[in-house]
Amino acid sequence: MVLRLREESGWSAFLAEAGIPTDDFDEYAAIFVKNRLTEKSASQLTNTLLNELGITILGDVLAILRHIKNFG
């Protein structure tokens, strides 16, 4: 199944697959949608960019970056 990372539901599914706790993935998904991130721009995310977006929990940052590498 190909996820469409343009809506909160797609980002929430992506983040759940990455292992982000349920309490946080909806908040992160809203941040990604608000900042118009898509599946094309996801591969350009870095630790610094995630921190600038307010995602600062190191375990979550690492999980997101690891999942992005496996997503493409």
N, C-alpha and C. Protein backbone atom coordinates (compact mmCIF):
# COMPACT_ATOMS: atom_id res chain seq x y z
N MET A 1 0.85 -1.19 0.00
CA MET A 1 0.00 0.00 0.00
C MET A 1 0.89 1.24 0.00
N VAL A 2 0.62 2.14 -0.87
CA VAL A 2 1.36 3.39 -0.97
C VAL A 2 0.63 4.45 -0.16
N LEU A 3 1.35 5.04 0.77
CA LEU A 3 0.76 6.10 1.57
C LEU A 3 0.87 7.43 0.86
N ARG A 4 -0.18 8.20 0.95
CA ARG A 4 -0.17 9.55 0.40
C ARG A 4 0.08 10.49 1.59
N LEU A 5 1.23 11.12 1.59
CA LEU A 5 1.58 11.99 2.70
C LEU A 5 1.21 13.43 2.38
N ARG A 6 -0.07 13.66 2.24
CA ARG A 6 -0.58 15.00 2.00
C ARG A 6 -1.66 15.37 3.01
N GLU A 7 -2.16 14.36 3.68
CA GLU A 7 -3.24 14.56 4.64
C GLU A 7 -2.81 13.98 5.98
N GLU A 8 -3.48 14.43 7.04
CA GLU A 8 -3.12 13.95 8.37
C GLU A 8 -3.26 12.44 8.51
N SER A 9 -4.25 11.85 7.85
CA SER A 9 -4.44 10.40 7.97
C SER A 9 -3.24 9.64 7.40
N GLY A 10 -2.70 10.11 6.29
CA GLY A 10 -1.52 9.47 5.71
C GLY A 10 -0.30 9.62 6.58
N TRP A 11 -0.09 10.83 7.10
CA TRP A 11 1.04 11.06 7.99
C TRP A 11 0.88 10.26 9.28
N SER A 12 -0.33 10.19 9.81
CA SER A 12 -0.55 9.41 11.04
C SER A 12 -0.20 7.95 10.82
N ALA A 13 -0.61 7.39 9.69
CA ALA A 13 -0.28 5.99 9.38
C ALA A 13 1.23 5.81 9.24
N PHE A 14 1.89 6.73 8.56
CA PHE A 14 3.34 6.69 8.39
C PHE A 14 4.03 6.72 9.75
N LEU A 15 3.60 7.64 10.61
CA LEU A 15 4.23 7.79 11.92
C LEU A 15 3.95 6.60 12.82
N ALA A 16 2.76 6.03 12.71
CA ALA A 16 2.45 4.81 13.48
C ALA A 16 3.37 3.68 13.05
N GLU A 17 3.59 3.53 11.74
CA GLU A 17 4.50 2.50 11.23
C GLU A 17 5.93 2.74 11.69
N ALA A 18 6.28 4.00 11.90
CA ALA A 18 7.63 4.35 12.36
C ALA A 18 7.81 4.03 13.84
N GLY A 19 6.71 3.76 14.53
CA GLY A 19 6.79 3.43 15.95
C GLY A 19 6.60 4.61 16.88
N ILE A 20 6.09 5.71 16.34
CA ILE A 20 5.83 6.88 17.17
C ILE A 20 4.63 6.59 18.07
N PRO A 21 4.71 6.92 19.36
CA PRO A 21 3.59 6.66 20.26
C PRO A 21 2.29 7.35 19.81
N THR A 22 1.20 6.68 20.05
CA THR A 22 -0.12 7.17 19.66
C THR A 22 -0.39 8.59 20.16
N ASP A 23 0.09 8.89 21.34
CA ASP A 23 -0.15 10.23 21.91
C ASP A 23 0.48 11.34 21.10
N ASP A 24 1.50 11.01 20.30
CA ASP A 24 2.24 12.03 19.58
C ASP A 24 2.01 12.05 18.08
N PHE A 25 1.67 10.92 17.45
CA PHE A 25 1.68 10.92 15.98
C PHE A 25 0.62 11.79 15.36
N ASP A 26 -0.52 11.98 16.00
CA ASP A 26 -1.52 12.90 15.44
C ASP A 26 -1.04 14.35 15.48
N GLU A 27 -0.36 14.70 16.58
CA GLU A 27 0.20 16.06 16.69
C GLU A 27 1.26 16.29 15.61
N TYR A 28 2.15 15.32 15.42
CA TYR A 28 3.19 15.43 14.40
C TYR A 28 2.58 15.49 13.00
N ALA A 29 1.56 14.68 12.77
CA ALA A 29 0.90 14.68 11.45
C ALA A 29 0.33 16.05 11.13
N ALA A 30 -0.28 16.69 12.12
CA ALA A 30 -0.83 18.03 11.92
C ALA A 30 0.28 19.03 11.59
N ILE A 31 1.41 18.88 12.24
CA ILE A 31 2.55 19.76 11.96
C ILE A 31 3.01 19.59 10.51
N PHE A 32 3.12 18.33 10.06
CA PHE A 32 3.59 18.07 8.70
C PHE A 32 2.61 18.63 7.66
N VAL A 33 1.32 18.47 7.90
CA VAL A 33 0.31 18.98 6.96
C VAL A 33 0.32 20.51 6.96
N LYS A 34 0.39 21.10 8.14
CA LYS A 34 0.41 22.56 8.24
C LYS A 34 1.60 23.14 7.47
N ASN A 35 2.72 22.42 7.44
CA ASN A 35 3.92 22.89 6.76
C ASN A 35 4.03 22.35 5.34
N ARG A 36 2.94 21.78 4.84
CA ARG A 36 2.81 21.32 3.46
C ARG A 36 3.88 20.30 3.05
N LEU A 37 4.23 19.43 3.98
CA LEU A 37 5.17 18.36 3.66
C LEU A 37 4.42 17.23 2.98
N THR A 38 5.05 16.64 1.98
CA THR A 38 4.45 15.53 1.23
C THR A 38 5.45 14.39 1.15
N GLU A 39 5.06 13.32 0.46
CA GLU A 39 5.97 12.19 0.30
C GLU A 39 7.24 12.60 -0.44
N LYS A 40 7.15 13.60 -1.29
CA LYS A 40 8.34 14.07 -2.02
C LYS A 40 9.29 14.84 -1.12
N SER A 41 8.75 15.64 -0.23
CA SER A 41 9.61 16.43 0.65
C SER A 41 10.06 15.66 1.88
N ALA A 42 9.41 14.57 2.21
CA ALA A 42 9.77 13.79 3.40
C ALA A 42 11.22 13.34 3.36
N SER A 43 11.70 12.98 2.18
CA SER A 43 13.08 12.49 2.08
C SER A 43 14.11 13.57 2.36
N GLN A 44 13.69 14.82 2.41
CA GLN A 44 14.60 15.93 2.68
C GLN A 44 14.62 16.32 4.16
N LEU A 45 13.81 15.65 4.97
CA LEU A 45 13.78 15.97 6.40
C LEU A 45 15.09 15.56 7.06
N THR A 46 15.52 16.39 7.97
CA THR A 46 16.74 16.14 8.75
C THR A 46 16.42 16.35 10.22
N ASN A 47 17.37 15.98 11.04
CA ASN A 47 17.25 16.21 12.48
C ASN A 47 16.97 17.69 12.75
N THR A 48 17.70 18.56 12.11
CA THR A 48 17.55 20.00 12.30
C THR A 48 16.15 20.47 11.89
N LEU A 49 15.68 20.03 10.73
CA LEU A 49 14.35 20.45 10.27
C LEU A 49 13.25 19.93 11.19
N LEU A 50 13.37 18.68 11.63
CA LEU A 50 12.37 18.15 12.55
C LEU A 50 12.35 18.96 13.84
N ASN A 51 13.53 19.31 14.34
CA ASN A 51 13.62 20.15 15.55
C ASN A 51 12.96 21.50 15.33
N GLU A 52 13.19 22.10 14.16
CA GLU A 52 12.58 23.40 13.85
C GLU A 52 11.06 23.29 13.78
N LEU A 53 10.56 22.12 13.41
CA LEU A 53 9.12 21.90 13.38
C LEU A 53 8.54 21.63 14.76
N GLY A 54 9.42 21.48 15.76
CA GLY A 54 8.97 21.23 17.13
C GLY A 54 9.03 19.77 17.54
N ILE A 55 9.57 18.93 16.68
CA ILE A 55 9.71 17.51 17.01
C ILE A 55 11.12 17.33 17.55
N THR A 56 11.23 17.29 18.89
CA THR A 56 12.54 17.32 19.53
C THR A 56 12.87 16.08 20.35
N ILE A 57 11.92 15.19 20.51
CA ILE A 57 12.20 13.96 21.27
C ILE A 57 13.11 13.10 20.40
N LEU A 58 14.33 12.87 20.89
CA LEU A 58 15.36 12.24 20.09
C LEU A 58 14.93 10.88 19.55
N GLY A 59 14.28 10.07 20.36
CA GLY A 59 13.83 8.76 19.89
C GLY A 59 12.85 8.86 18.75
N ASP A 60 11.96 9.85 18.81
CA ASP A 60 10.99 10.07 17.73
C ASP A 60 11.68 10.57 16.47
N VAL A 61 12.63 11.50 16.63
CA VAL A 61 13.38 12.02 15.49
C VAL A 61 14.09 10.87 14.77
N LEU A 62 14.78 10.04 15.54
CA LEU A 62 15.51 8.92 14.94
C LEU A 62 14.57 7.93 14.26
N ALA A 63 13.42 7.65 14.89
CA ALA A 63 12.45 6.72 14.30
C ALA A 63 11.89 7.27 13.00
N ILE A 64 11.59 8.56 12.96
CA ILE A 64 11.06 9.18 11.74
C ILE A 64 12.09 9.12 10.63
N LEU A 65 13.32 9.53 10.93
CA LEU A 65 14.37 9.54 9.91
C LEU A 65 14.67 8.13 9.40
N ARG A 66 14.68 7.15 10.30
CA ARG A 66 14.90 5.75 9.90
C ARG A 66 13.77 5.27 8.99
N HIS A 67 12.54 5.60 9.34
CA HIS A 67 11.39 5.15 8.55
C HIS A 67 11.36 5.83 7.18
N ILE A 68 11.78 7.08 7.11
CA ILE A 68 11.85 7.78 5.84
C ILE A 68 12.80 7.07 4.88
N LYS A 69 13.94 6.61 5.42
CA LYS A 69 14.91 5.90 4.57
C LYS A 69 14.29 4.63 3.97
N ASN A 70 13.45 3.96 4.73
CA ASN A 70 12.83 2.72 4.30
C ASN A 70 11.55 2.94 3.50
N PHE A 71 11.04 4.16 3.51
CA PHE A 71 9.76 4.49 2.89
C PHE A 71 9.85 4.54 1.37
N GLY A 72 10.94 5.10 0.86
CA GLY A 72 11.08 5.29 -0.58
C GLY A 72 11.25 4.02 -1.30
